[in-house]
């Protein structure tokens, strides 16, 4: 009861609680190539308003065991609810990833370095660029299908004077493998900025379903 009350108080004091919902279809023709199509719907204002929705295409190429290089393209519809001009905006984003995974005992460890470039279409503006560094650890529990995974990610902006700030994310979640019927995932994510001035804190509840063709 104490933990429930504390959790409720924490959410009540936060700037926003969001819901991120994802559907993903993967295709793995060989151990060297991964293809993925993804659709997401994200809600804000305590699940009461659409924040954005988008589609993404991702390709990963295996370099050596455990190491992959990836390219992703994303088309977004963002709901701008601030300022004098509001409504949906069209954005395009591309990214380059370098990923590495390996096992240490009962842990699956993963690392990802990402360069991200995003801009609003039809607007003469400088693209927002970030470097993102992510580390994750999944603990394998014998005879248990909901192995917990903890991840920490840092965002560092590359544009001088960008209104967005450097930020970090902490994520705790798990996935349930339904064998031939795909995987269901869920997580809680805490996101905040490093700078105290104008910092926005977000609590994110994520749900996902994915199916991979091999």
N, C-alpha and C. Protein backbone atom coordinates (compact mmCIF):
# COMPACT_ATOMS: atom_id res chain seq x y z
N UNK A 1 0.83 -1.20 0.00
CA UNK A 1 0.00 0.00 0.00
C UNK A 1 0.87 1.26 0.00
N UNK A 2 1.97 1.21 0.79
CA UNK A 2 2.87 2.36 0.84
C UNK A 2 3.51 2.62 -0.52
N UNK A 3 3.96 1.52 -1.20
CA UNK A 3 4.57 1.68 -2.51
C UNK A 3 3.58 2.20 -3.54
N UNK A 4 2.33 1.74 -3.46
CA UNK A 4 1.30 2.21 -4.37
C UNK A 4 1.03 3.69 -4.16
N UNK A 5 0.96 4.12 -2.89
CA UNK A 5 0.72 5.52 -2.59
C UNK A 5 1.87 6.39 -3.06
N UNK A 6 3.11 5.89 -2.86
CA UNK A 6 4.28 6.63 -3.30
C UNK A 6 4.32 6.77 -4.81
N UNK A 7 3.96 5.67 -5.52
CA UNK A 7 3.94 5.71 -6.97
C UNK A 7 2.90 6.69 -7.48
N UNK A 8 1.71 6.69 -6.85
CA UNK A 8 0.65 7.61 -7.25
C UNK A 8 1.07 9.06 -7.04
N UNK A 9 1.74 9.33 -5.91
CA UNK A 9 2.18 10.68 -5.62
C UNK A 9 3.23 11.14 -6.63
N UNK A 10 4.14 10.24 -6.98
CA UNK A 10 5.19 10.57 -7.93
C UNK A 10 4.60 10.93 -9.28
N UNK A 11 3.64 10.15 -9.76
CA UNK A 11 3.01 10.41 -11.06
C UNK A 11 2.24 11.73 -11.00
N UNK A 12 1.58 11.99 -9.86
CA UNK A 12 0.78 13.20 -9.76
C UNK A 12 1.64 14.44 -9.84
N UNK A 13 2.91 14.37 -9.36
CA UNK A 13 3.78 15.52 -9.35
C UNK A 13 4.53 15.68 -10.66
N UNK A 14 4.47 14.72 -11.55
CA UNK A 14 5.22 14.78 -12.80
C UNK A 14 4.53 15.72 -13.78
N UNK A 15 5.31 16.15 -14.80
CA UNK A 15 4.76 17.05 -15.79
C UNK A 15 3.79 16.35 -16.72
N UNK A 16 4.00 15.06 -16.95
CA UNK A 16 3.13 14.34 -17.88
C UNK A 16 3.33 12.84 -17.73
N UNK A 17 2.28 12.11 -18.01
CA UNK A 17 2.33 10.66 -18.10
C UNK A 17 1.92 10.29 -19.52
N UNK A 18 2.75 9.51 -20.21
CA UNK A 18 2.52 9.18 -21.61
C UNK A 18 2.31 7.69 -21.80
N UNK A 19 1.69 7.37 -22.92
CA UNK A 19 1.49 5.97 -23.33
C UNK A 19 2.08 5.80 -24.72
N UNK A 20 3.02 4.85 -24.87
CA UNK A 20 3.62 4.53 -26.16
C UNK A 20 3.22 3.13 -26.54
N UNK A 21 2.61 2.99 -27.71
CA UNK A 21 2.08 1.70 -28.16
C UNK A 21 2.65 1.35 -29.53
N UNK A 22 3.19 0.15 -29.66
CA UNK A 22 3.96 -0.21 -30.86
C UNK A 22 3.52 -1.55 -31.43
N UNK A 23 3.45 -1.60 -32.77
CA UNK A 23 3.30 -2.83 -33.53
C UNK A 23 4.50 -2.96 -34.46
N UNK A 24 5.11 -4.17 -34.50
CA UNK A 24 6.32 -4.35 -35.31
C UNK A 24 6.28 -5.68 -36.04
N UNK A 25 6.67 -5.64 -37.31
CA UNK A 25 6.81 -6.84 -38.12
C UNK A 25 8.26 -6.93 -38.57
N UNK A 26 8.92 -8.05 -38.22
CA UNK A 26 10.31 -8.24 -38.57
C UNK A 26 10.50 -9.35 -39.59
N UNK A 27 11.59 -9.25 -40.32
CA UNK A 27 11.93 -10.29 -41.30
C UNK A 27 13.43 -10.54 -41.22
N UNK A 28 13.80 -11.80 -40.96
CA UNK A 28 15.20 -12.19 -40.83
C UNK A 28 15.50 -13.29 -41.86
N UNK A 29 15.90 -12.92 -43.08
CA UNK A 29 16.17 -13.93 -44.11
C UNK A 29 17.43 -14.74 -43.83
N UNK A 30 18.35 -14.20 -43.03
CA UNK A 30 19.58 -14.90 -42.68
C UNK A 30 20.11 -14.30 -41.38
N UNK A 31 21.18 -14.86 -40.87
CA UNK A 31 21.77 -14.35 -39.63
C UNK A 31 22.47 -13.01 -39.84
N UNK A 32 22.66 -12.61 -41.10
CA UNK A 32 23.38 -11.37 -41.40
C UNK A 32 22.47 -10.16 -41.64
N UNK A 33 21.18 -10.39 -41.88
CA UNK A 33 20.28 -9.30 -42.21
C UNK A 33 19.02 -9.33 -41.35
N UNK A 34 18.59 -8.14 -40.90
CA UNK A 34 17.32 -7.96 -40.20
C UNK A 34 16.58 -6.78 -40.83
N UNK A 35 15.29 -6.98 -41.12
CA UNK A 35 14.44 -5.92 -41.64
C UNK A 35 13.25 -5.75 -40.70
N UNK A 36 12.82 -4.50 -40.50
CA UNK A 36 11.71 -4.26 -39.60
C UNK A 36 10.81 -3.13 -40.04
N UNK A 37 9.49 -3.33 -39.94
CA UNK A 37 8.48 -2.30 -40.14
C UNK A 37 7.78 -2.06 -38.81
N UNK A 38 7.63 -0.81 -38.46
CA UNK A 38 7.08 -0.48 -37.15
C UNK A 38 6.08 0.66 -37.24
N UNK A 39 5.00 0.57 -36.46
CA UNK A 39 4.03 1.65 -36.34
C UNK A 39 3.83 1.95 -34.86
N UNK A 40 3.79 3.24 -34.53
CA UNK A 40 3.61 3.62 -33.13
C UNK A 40 2.55 4.71 -33.00
N UNK A 41 1.82 4.62 -31.90
CA UNK A 41 0.90 5.66 -31.47
C UNK A 41 1.28 6.08 -30.07
N UNK A 42 1.53 7.39 -29.88
CA UNK A 42 1.94 7.90 -28.58
C UNK A 42 0.93 8.92 -28.07
N UNK A 43 0.53 8.75 -26.82
CA UNK A 43 -0.45 9.64 -26.19
C UNK A 43 0.23 10.45 -25.08
N UNK A 44 -0.24 11.68 -24.89
CA UNK A 44 0.30 12.54 -23.84
C UNK A 44 -0.84 13.09 -22.98
N UNK A 45 -0.52 14.02 -22.09
CA UNK A 45 -1.51 14.62 -21.19
C UNK A 45 -2.27 13.54 -20.44
N UNK A 46 -1.52 12.66 -19.80
CA UNK A 46 -2.09 11.56 -19.02
C UNK A 46 -3.02 10.69 -19.87
N UNK A 47 -2.56 10.34 -21.07
CA UNK A 47 -3.24 9.47 -22.02
C UNK A 47 -4.43 10.14 -22.70
N UNK A 48 -4.64 11.44 -22.47
CA UNK A 48 -5.85 12.08 -22.96
C UNK A 48 -5.75 12.72 -24.33
N UNK A 49 -4.54 12.77 -24.92
CA UNK A 49 -4.36 13.49 -26.17
C UNK A 49 -3.28 12.80 -27.01
N UNK A 50 -3.49 12.74 -28.32
CA UNK A 50 -2.48 12.17 -29.20
C UNK A 50 -1.25 13.08 -29.22
N UNK A 51 -0.10 12.51 -28.99
CA UNK A 51 1.16 13.24 -29.05
C UNK A 51 1.76 13.14 -30.45
N UNK A 52 1.87 11.92 -30.97
CA UNK A 52 2.37 11.70 -32.32
C UNK A 52 2.08 10.26 -32.73
N UNK A 53 2.12 10.03 -34.05
CA UNK A 53 2.09 8.67 -34.57
C UNK A 53 3.01 8.63 -35.79
N UNK A 54 3.61 7.46 -36.02
CA UNK A 54 4.61 7.40 -37.08
C UNK A 54 4.80 5.97 -37.57
N UNK A 55 5.44 5.88 -38.73
CA UNK A 55 5.87 4.60 -39.28
C UNK A 55 7.38 4.63 -39.46
N UNK A 56 8.01 3.47 -39.29
CA UNK A 56 9.47 3.40 -39.38
C UNK A 56 9.91 2.14 -40.10
N UNK A 57 10.98 2.28 -40.87
CA UNK A 57 11.60 1.15 -41.55
C UNK A 57 13.06 1.06 -41.11
N UNK A 58 13.48 -0.14 -40.69
CA UNK A 58 14.82 -0.33 -40.14
C UNK A 58 15.51 -1.52 -40.83
N UNK A 59 16.80 -1.34 -41.16
CA UNK A 59 17.63 -2.41 -41.70
C UNK A 59 18.87 -2.56 -40.82
N UNK A 60 19.18 -3.79 -40.42
CA UNK A 60 20.39 -4.08 -39.65
C UNK A 60 21.23 -5.09 -40.40
N UNK A 61 22.53 -4.84 -40.44
CA UNK A 61 23.47 -5.73 -41.09
C UNK A 61 24.52 -6.21 -40.08
N UNK A 62 24.67 -7.53 -39.98
CA UNK A 62 25.66 -8.11 -39.08
C UNK A 62 27.06 -7.91 -39.65
N UNK A 63 27.97 -7.39 -38.82
CA UNK A 63 29.36 -7.18 -39.23
C UNK A 63 30.21 -8.36 -38.79
N UNK A 64 30.24 -8.60 -37.50
CA UNK A 64 30.86 -9.80 -36.92
C UNK A 64 29.92 -10.27 -35.82
N UNK A 65 30.25 -11.36 -35.18
CA UNK A 65 29.39 -11.90 -34.13
C UNK A 65 29.13 -10.85 -33.05
N UNK A 66 27.86 -10.57 -32.82
CA UNK A 66 27.45 -9.62 -31.79
C UNK A 66 27.40 -8.18 -32.21
N UNK A 67 28.01 -7.82 -33.36
CA UNK A 67 28.11 -6.43 -33.80
C UNK A 67 27.28 -6.21 -35.06
N UNK A 68 26.42 -5.18 -35.04
CA UNK A 68 25.57 -4.85 -36.17
C UNK A 68 25.61 -3.36 -36.47
N UNK A 69 25.39 -3.05 -37.75
CA UNK A 69 25.22 -1.67 -38.20
C UNK A 69 23.80 -1.54 -38.75
N UNK A 70 23.11 -0.45 -38.37
CA UNK A 70 21.73 -0.29 -38.78
C UNK A 70 21.42 1.09 -39.33
N UNK A 71 20.39 1.15 -40.18
CA UNK A 71 19.87 2.40 -40.74
C UNK A 71 18.37 2.41 -40.56
N UNK A 72 17.82 3.53 -40.08
CA UNK A 72 16.38 3.63 -39.88
C UNK A 72 15.81 4.90 -40.48
N UNK A 73 14.58 4.81 -41.04
CA UNK A 73 13.86 5.95 -41.61
C UNK A 73 12.50 6.04 -40.93
N UNK A 74 12.13 7.24 -40.51
CA UNK A 74 10.87 7.42 -39.78
C UNK A 74 10.12 8.64 -40.31
N UNK A 75 8.82 8.46 -40.58
CA UNK A 75 7.94 9.56 -40.98
C UNK A 75 6.93 9.77 -39.86
N UNK A 76 6.88 11.01 -39.35
CA UNK A 76 6.09 11.30 -38.15
C UNK A 76 5.02 12.35 -38.40
N UNK A 77 3.91 12.21 -37.68
CA UNK A 77 2.87 13.23 -37.57
C UNK A 77 2.83 13.65 -36.10
N UNK A 78 3.31 14.86 -35.82
CA UNK A 78 3.41 15.33 -34.44
C UNK A 78 2.30 16.35 -34.16
N UNK A 79 1.66 16.20 -33.01
CA UNK A 79 0.58 17.08 -32.61
C UNK A 79 1.14 18.21 -31.76
N UNK A 80 1.31 19.37 -32.37
CA UNK A 80 1.84 20.54 -31.66
C UNK A 80 0.70 21.25 -30.95
N UNK A 81 0.76 21.29 -29.62
CA UNK A 81 -0.29 21.92 -28.82
C UNK A 81 0.24 23.13 -28.06
N UNK A 82 1.36 23.68 -28.51
CA UNK A 82 1.94 24.85 -27.85
C UNK A 82 2.07 26.00 -28.84
N UNK A 83 2.05 27.21 -28.31
CA UNK A 83 2.27 28.39 -29.15
C UNK A 83 1.02 28.84 -29.90
N UNK A 84 1.21 29.81 -30.79
CA UNK A 84 0.09 30.38 -31.54
C UNK A 84 -0.36 29.49 -32.69
N UNK A 85 0.58 28.77 -33.29
CA UNK A 85 0.25 27.88 -34.40
C UNK A 85 0.28 26.44 -33.91
N UNK A 86 -0.89 25.81 -33.88
CA UNK A 86 -1.00 24.46 -33.36
C UNK A 86 -1.59 23.52 -34.42
N UNK A 87 -1.44 22.25 -34.18
CA UNK A 87 -1.95 21.26 -35.11
C UNK A 87 -0.89 20.23 -35.44
N UNK A 88 -1.20 19.36 -36.40
CA UNK A 88 -0.28 18.29 -36.76
C UNK A 88 0.79 18.79 -37.73
N UNK A 89 2.03 18.37 -37.46
CA UNK A 89 3.18 18.71 -38.28
C UNK A 89 3.80 17.43 -38.86
N UNK A 90 4.31 17.54 -40.07
CA UNK A 90 4.99 16.40 -40.70
C UNK A 90 6.49 16.49 -40.46
N UNK A 91 7.05 15.42 -39.93
CA UNK A 91 8.48 15.37 -39.65
C UNK A 91 9.09 14.12 -40.31
N UNK A 92 10.37 14.23 -40.61
CA UNK A 92 11.12 13.08 -41.13
C UNK A 92 12.39 12.92 -40.32
N UNK A 93 12.71 11.65 -40.02
CA UNK A 93 13.90 11.37 -39.22
C UNK A 93 14.66 10.21 -39.82
N UNK A 94 15.99 10.31 -39.80
CA UNK A 94 16.81 9.16 -40.16
C UNK A 94 17.87 8.95 -39.08
N UNK A 95 18.36 7.74 -38.99
CA UNK A 95 19.30 7.40 -37.93
C UNK A 95 20.27 6.33 -38.40
N UNK A 96 21.46 6.33 -37.80
CA UNK A 96 22.48 5.31 -38.02
C UNK A 96 22.84 4.71 -36.68
N UNK A 97 22.85 3.38 -36.61
CA UNK A 97 23.10 2.68 -35.36
C UNK A 97 24.32 1.78 -35.45
N UNK A 98 25.02 1.68 -34.35
CA UNK A 98 26.05 0.67 -34.17
C UNK A 98 25.71 -0.07 -32.88
N UNK A 99 25.44 -1.40 -33.00
CA UNK A 99 24.93 -2.18 -31.88
C UNK A 99 25.86 -3.35 -31.58
N UNK A 100 26.00 -3.63 -30.28
CA UNK A 100 26.82 -4.78 -29.88
C UNK A 100 26.14 -5.48 -28.71
N UNK A 101 26.08 -6.82 -28.76
CA UNK A 101 25.49 -7.64 -27.70
C UNK A 101 26.41 -8.80 -27.35
N UNK A 102 26.43 -9.15 -26.06
CA UNK A 102 27.20 -10.32 -25.62
C UNK A 102 26.64 -10.80 -24.28
N UNK A 103 27.01 -12.00 -23.91
CA UNK A 103 26.54 -12.62 -22.67
C UNK A 103 27.64 -12.60 -21.62
N UNK A 104 27.22 -12.35 -20.38
CA UNK A 104 28.11 -12.46 -19.22
C UNK A 104 27.35 -13.22 -18.14
N UNK A 105 27.62 -14.51 -18.03
CA UNK A 105 26.87 -15.32 -17.06
C UNK A 105 25.40 -15.36 -17.40
N UNK A 106 24.57 -14.95 -16.47
CA UNK A 106 23.12 -14.94 -16.67
C UNK A 106 22.61 -13.64 -17.28
N UNK A 107 23.51 -12.75 -17.67
CA UNK A 107 23.11 -11.46 -18.20
C UNK A 107 23.38 -11.38 -19.71
N UNK A 108 22.41 -10.81 -20.43
CA UNK A 108 22.60 -10.41 -21.82
C UNK A 108 22.82 -8.90 -21.83
N UNK A 109 24.01 -8.48 -22.24
CA UNK A 109 24.36 -7.06 -22.22
C UNK A 109 24.32 -6.50 -23.64
N UNK A 110 23.78 -5.30 -23.77
CA UNK A 110 23.68 -4.66 -25.07
C UNK A 110 24.11 -3.21 -25.02
N UNK A 111 24.69 -2.73 -26.14
CA UNK A 111 25.15 -1.35 -26.24
C UNK A 111 24.74 -0.82 -27.62
N UNK A 112 24.33 0.44 -27.65
CA UNK A 112 23.94 1.05 -28.92
C UNK A 112 24.39 2.50 -28.99
N UNK A 113 25.08 2.84 -30.07
CA UNK A 113 25.44 4.22 -30.37
C UNK A 113 24.63 4.65 -31.59
N UNK A 114 23.89 5.75 -31.46
CA UNK A 114 22.99 6.20 -32.53
C UNK A 114 23.25 7.67 -32.86
N UNK A 115 23.33 7.96 -34.18
CA UNK A 115 23.27 9.32 -34.66
C UNK A 115 21.86 9.53 -35.22
N UNK A 116 21.20 10.61 -34.80
CA UNK A 116 19.81 10.87 -35.18
C UNK A 116 19.68 12.26 -35.77
N UNK A 117 18.94 12.36 -36.89
CA UNK A 117 18.74 13.63 -37.57
C UNK A 117 17.25 13.76 -37.89
N UNK A 118 16.62 14.85 -37.41
CA UNK A 118 15.18 15.01 -37.56
C UNK A 118 14.85 16.45 -37.92
N UNK A 119 13.90 16.63 -38.86
CA UNK A 119 13.47 17.98 -39.20
C UNK A 119 12.01 17.99 -39.62
N UNK A 120 11.39 19.16 -39.52
CA UNK A 120 9.99 19.34 -39.94
C UNK A 120 9.95 19.61 -41.42
N UNK A 121 9.13 18.88 -42.15
CA UNK A 121 9.03 19.04 -43.59
C UNK A 121 8.29 20.33 -43.95
N UNK A 122 8.78 21.00 -45.00
CA UNK A 122 8.14 22.22 -45.46
C UNK A 122 8.49 23.44 -44.65
N UNK A 123 9.44 23.32 -43.72
CA UNK A 123 9.84 24.44 -42.88
C UNK A 123 11.34 24.66 -43.04
N UNK A 124 11.72 25.90 -43.30
CA UNK A 124 13.14 26.23 -43.46
C UNK A 124 13.77 26.35 -42.08
N UNK A 125 14.23 25.21 -41.56
CA UNK A 125 14.75 25.17 -40.20
C UNK A 125 15.93 24.20 -40.16
N UNK A 126 16.77 24.36 -39.15
CA UNK A 126 17.92 23.48 -38.98
C UNK A 126 17.46 22.16 -38.37
N UNK A 127 17.94 21.08 -38.95
CA UNK A 127 17.57 19.76 -38.43
C UNK A 127 18.11 19.57 -37.01
N UNK A 128 17.35 18.87 -36.20
CA UNK A 128 17.79 18.56 -34.83
C UNK A 128 18.59 17.27 -34.87
N UNK A 129 19.81 17.37 -34.35
CA UNK A 129 20.73 16.24 -34.40
C UNK A 129 21.13 15.84 -32.98
N UNK A 130 21.15 14.52 -32.75
CA UNK A 130 21.53 13.99 -31.45
C UNK A 130 22.48 12.82 -31.62
N UNK A 131 23.35 12.66 -30.65
CA UNK A 131 24.06 11.41 -30.43
C UNK A 131 23.44 10.75 -29.22
N UNK A 132 23.13 9.45 -29.34
CA UNK A 132 22.48 8.73 -28.25
C UNK A 132 23.30 7.48 -27.91
N UNK A 133 23.57 7.32 -26.64
CA UNK A 133 24.33 6.16 -26.16
C UNK A 133 23.46 5.39 -25.17
N UNK A 134 23.25 4.11 -25.47
CA UNK A 134 22.36 3.29 -24.65
C UNK A 134 23.06 2.01 -24.21
N UNK A 135 22.85 1.65 -22.95
CA UNK A 135 23.32 0.39 -22.42
C UNK A 135 22.18 -0.36 -21.75
N UNK A 136 22.13 -1.68 -21.92
CA UNK A 136 21.04 -2.47 -21.35
C UNK A 136 21.57 -3.78 -20.79
N UNK A 137 20.83 -4.30 -19.81
CA UNK A 137 21.19 -5.58 -19.20
C UNK A 137 19.92 -6.37 -18.95
N UNK A 138 19.83 -7.56 -19.55
CA UNK A 138 18.69 -8.46 -19.36
C UNK A 138 19.15 -9.65 -18.53
N UNK A 139 18.40 -9.94 -17.46
CA UNK A 139 18.76 -11.03 -16.56
C UNK A 139 17.95 -12.27 -16.92
N UNK A 140 18.65 -13.33 -17.26
CA UNK A 140 18.00 -14.58 -17.65
C UNK A 140 17.69 -15.42 -16.41
N UNK A 141 16.41 -15.66 -16.20
CA UNK A 141 15.96 -16.45 -15.05
C UNK A 141 15.52 -17.83 -15.55
N UNK A 142 16.06 -18.87 -14.98
CA UNK A 142 15.76 -20.23 -15.41
C UNK A 142 14.28 -20.55 -15.18
N UNK A 143 13.65 -21.17 -16.20
CA UNK A 143 12.24 -21.57 -16.15
C UNK A 143 11.31 -20.37 -15.89
N UNK A 144 11.66 -19.24 -16.47
CA UNK A 144 10.86 -18.03 -16.30
C UNK A 144 10.85 -17.27 -17.62
N UNK A 145 9.68 -16.89 -18.12
CA UNK A 145 9.57 -16.28 -19.45
C UNK A 145 9.56 -14.76 -19.43
N UNK A 146 9.51 -14.15 -18.26
CA UNK A 146 9.47 -12.69 -18.18
C UNK A 146 10.79 -12.17 -17.60
N UNK A 147 11.86 -12.35 -18.36
CA UNK A 147 13.17 -11.91 -17.90
C UNK A 147 13.21 -10.38 -17.85
N UNK A 148 13.59 -9.79 -16.71
CA UNK A 148 13.62 -8.33 -16.61
C UNK A 148 14.81 -7.72 -17.34
N UNK A 149 14.59 -6.54 -17.91
CA UNK A 149 15.66 -5.82 -18.60
C UNK A 149 15.69 -4.38 -18.11
N UNK A 150 16.88 -3.91 -17.78
CA UNK A 150 17.08 -2.53 -17.33
C UNK A 150 17.98 -1.83 -18.34
N UNK A 151 17.59 -0.61 -18.76
CA UNK A 151 18.36 0.13 -19.76
C UNK A 151 18.53 1.58 -19.32
N UNK A 152 19.66 2.14 -19.71
CA UNK A 152 19.95 3.55 -19.44
C UNK A 152 20.45 4.18 -20.74
N UNK A 153 19.88 5.34 -21.10
CA UNK A 153 20.26 6.00 -22.35
C UNK A 153 20.48 7.49 -22.13
N UNK A 154 21.51 8.02 -22.78
CA UNK A 154 21.84 9.44 -22.70
C UNK A 154 21.72 10.05 -24.09
N UNK A 155 21.06 11.21 -24.18
CA UNK A 155 20.93 11.98 -25.43
C UNK A 155 21.81 13.22 -25.32
N UNK A 156 22.64 13.44 -26.33
CA UNK A 156 23.49 14.63 -26.37
C UNK A 156 23.22 15.38 -27.67
N UNK A 157 22.74 16.62 -27.57
CA UNK A 157 22.40 17.39 -28.78
C UNK A 157 23.66 17.89 -29.47
N UNK A 158 23.59 17.97 -30.81
CA UNK A 158 24.71 18.44 -31.60
C UNK A 158 24.51 19.85 -32.13
N UNK A 159 23.29 20.37 -32.02
CA UNK A 159 22.98 21.72 -32.51
C UNK A 159 23.16 22.74 -31.40
N UNK A 160 23.97 23.74 -31.65
CA UNK A 160 24.13 24.82 -30.69
C UNK A 160 22.88 25.71 -30.71
N UNK A 161 22.32 25.98 -29.56
CA UNK A 161 21.14 26.82 -29.48
C UNK A 161 19.83 26.10 -29.68
N UNK A 162 19.86 24.78 -29.83
CA UNK A 162 18.62 24.00 -29.97
C UNK A 162 17.79 24.12 -28.71
N UNK A 163 16.46 24.29 -28.87
CA UNK A 163 15.59 24.44 -27.70
C UNK A 163 15.48 23.14 -26.90
N UNK A 164 15.72 22.01 -27.55
CA UNK A 164 15.73 20.75 -26.82
C UNK A 164 17.03 20.64 -26.03
N UNK A 165 16.98 19.95 -24.90
CA UNK A 165 18.15 19.84 -24.03
C UNK A 165 18.65 18.41 -24.00
N UNK A 166 19.88 18.26 -23.50
CA UNK A 166 20.39 16.91 -23.26
C UNK A 166 19.49 16.23 -22.23
N UNK A 167 19.27 14.93 -22.42
CA UNK A 167 18.37 14.23 -21.52
C UNK A 167 18.81 12.79 -21.35
N UNK A 168 18.13 12.09 -20.45
CA UNK A 168 18.42 10.69 -20.21
C UNK A 168 17.12 9.93 -19.98
N UNK A 169 17.21 8.60 -20.22
CA UNK A 169 16.08 7.71 -20.01
C UNK A 169 16.51 6.50 -19.21
N UNK A 170 15.65 6.09 -18.30
CA UNK A 170 15.84 4.85 -17.55
C UNK A 170 14.61 3.99 -17.80
N UNK A 171 14.82 2.76 -18.26
CA UNK A 171 13.71 1.89 -18.66
C UNK A 171 13.81 0.54 -17.97
N UNK A 172 12.68 0.08 -17.44
CA UNK A 172 12.58 -1.25 -16.86
C UNK A 172 11.41 -1.97 -17.52
N UNK A 173 11.67 -3.14 -18.12
CA UNK A 173 10.60 -3.84 -18.81
C UNK A 173 10.90 -5.31 -19.02
N UNK A 174 10.04 -5.94 -19.80
CA UNK A 174 10.19 -7.35 -20.09
C UNK A 174 9.38 -7.69 -21.34
N UNK A 175 9.64 -8.89 -21.88
CA UNK A 175 8.89 -9.39 -23.03
C UNK A 175 8.46 -10.82 -22.77
N UNK A 176 7.29 -11.15 -23.29
CA UNK A 176 6.77 -12.52 -23.17
C UNK A 176 6.74 -13.15 -24.56
N UNK A 177 7.50 -14.20 -24.74
CA UNK A 177 7.59 -14.89 -26.02
C UNK A 177 6.46 -15.91 -26.14
N UNK A 178 5.59 -15.71 -27.14
CA UNK A 178 4.47 -16.62 -27.36
C UNK A 178 4.79 -17.64 -28.46
N UNK A 179 6.09 -17.90 -28.63
CA UNK A 179 6.59 -18.86 -29.61
C UNK A 179 6.16 -18.46 -31.02
N UNK A 180 5.29 -19.20 -31.65
CA UNK A 180 4.91 -18.94 -33.03
C UNK A 180 3.90 -17.80 -33.19
N UNK A 181 3.51 -17.18 -32.09
CA UNK A 181 2.51 -16.10 -32.15
C UNK A 181 3.10 -14.73 -31.87
N UNK A 182 4.43 -14.62 -31.80
CA UNK A 182 5.06 -13.33 -31.59
C UNK A 182 5.42 -13.06 -30.15
N UNK A 183 5.72 -11.80 -29.87
CA UNK A 183 6.14 -11.37 -28.54
C UNK A 183 5.33 -10.16 -28.08
N UNK A 184 4.98 -10.16 -26.80
CA UNK A 184 4.32 -9.02 -26.17
C UNK A 184 5.31 -8.39 -25.20
N UNK A 185 5.49 -7.08 -25.30
CA UNK A 185 6.41 -6.38 -24.43
C UNK A 185 5.73 -5.28 -23.64
N UNK A 186 6.31 -4.95 -22.50
CA UNK A 186 5.79 -3.86 -21.68
C UNK A 186 6.95 -3.27 -20.89
N UNK A 187 6.86 -1.98 -20.59
CA UNK A 187 7.93 -1.33 -19.85
C UNK A 187 7.43 -0.05 -19.18
N UNK A 188 8.21 0.40 -18.20
CA UNK A 188 8.05 1.72 -17.61
C UNK A 188 9.33 2.50 -17.89
N UNK A 189 9.19 3.74 -18.34
CA UNK A 189 10.35 4.55 -18.69
C UNK A 189 10.28 5.91 -18.00
N UNK A 190 11.40 6.30 -17.41
CA UNK A 190 11.52 7.62 -16.80
C UNK A 190 12.43 8.47 -17.67
N UNK A 191 11.96 9.64 -18.07
CA UNK A 191 12.75 10.52 -18.93
C UNK A 191 12.84 11.90 -18.31
N UNK A 192 14.05 12.46 -18.30
CA UNK A 192 14.23 13.79 -17.74
C UNK A 192 15.45 14.44 -18.38
N UNK A 193 15.59 15.75 -18.17
CA UNK A 193 16.73 16.50 -18.71
C UNK A 193 17.80 16.70 -17.66
N UNK A 194 19.00 17.01 -18.12
CA UNK A 194 20.10 17.25 -17.19
C UNK A 194 20.08 18.67 -16.64
N UNK A 195 19.51 19.60 -17.39
CA UNK A 195 19.50 20.99 -16.97
C UNK A 195 18.27 21.27 -16.12
N UNK A 196 18.47 21.94 -15.00
CA UNK A 196 17.36 22.23 -14.08
C UNK A 196 16.39 23.26 -14.66
N UNK A 197 16.90 24.21 -15.43
CA UNK A 197 16.06 25.27 -15.99
C UNK A 197 15.22 24.73 -17.14
N UNK A 198 13.91 24.74 -16.97
CA UNK A 198 13.00 24.28 -18.01
C UNK A 198 12.97 22.77 -18.20
N UNK A 199 13.42 22.02 -17.22
CA UNK A 199 13.48 20.57 -17.36
C UNK A 199 12.07 19.97 -17.37
N UNK A 200 11.84 19.04 -18.28
CA UNK A 200 10.57 18.32 -18.37
C UNK A 200 10.79 16.86 -17.98
N UNK A 201 9.99 16.40 -17.05
CA UNK A 201 10.07 15.01 -16.60
C UNK A 201 8.85 14.25 -17.12
N UNK A 202 9.11 13.07 -17.67
CA UNK A 202 8.01 12.29 -18.23
C UNK A 202 8.06 10.86 -17.71
N UNK A 203 6.88 10.33 -17.43
CA UNK A 203 6.71 8.92 -17.07
C UNK A 203 6.00 8.25 -18.23
N UNK A 204 6.59 7.20 -18.75
CA UNK A 204 6.09 6.58 -19.98
C UNK A 204 5.73 5.12 -19.72
N UNK A 205 4.52 4.75 -20.09
CA UNK A 205 4.08 3.35 -20.03
C UNK A 205 4.06 2.82 -21.47
N UNK A 206 4.84 1.78 -21.73
CA UNK A 206 4.95 1.26 -23.09
C UNK A 206 4.39 -0.14 -23.23
N UNK A 207 3.69 -0.37 -24.33
CA UNK A 207 3.17 -1.68 -24.69
C UNK A 207 3.55 -1.97 -26.15
N UNK A 208 3.88 -3.20 -26.45
CA UNK A 208 4.28 -3.54 -27.81
C UNK A 208 3.89 -4.96 -28.17
N UNK A 209 3.71 -5.15 -29.46
CA UNK A 209 3.55 -6.51 -30.00
C UNK A 209 4.40 -6.61 -31.24
N UNK A 210 5.16 -7.71 -31.34
CA UNK A 210 6.02 -7.91 -32.49
C UNK A 210 5.97 -9.35 -32.99
N UNK A 211 6.10 -9.46 -34.30
CA UNK A 211 6.15 -10.79 -34.93
C UNK A 211 7.27 -10.80 -35.95
N UNK A 212 8.11 -11.84 -35.91
CA UNK A 212 9.27 -11.92 -36.78
C UNK A 212 9.15 -13.14 -37.70
N UNK A 213 9.33 -12.91 -38.99
CA UNK A 213 9.35 -13.99 -39.98
C UNK A 213 10.81 -14.40 -40.22
N UNK A 214 11.08 -15.66 -40.07
CA UNK A 214 12.45 -16.15 -40.22
C UNK A 214 12.51 -17.20 -41.34
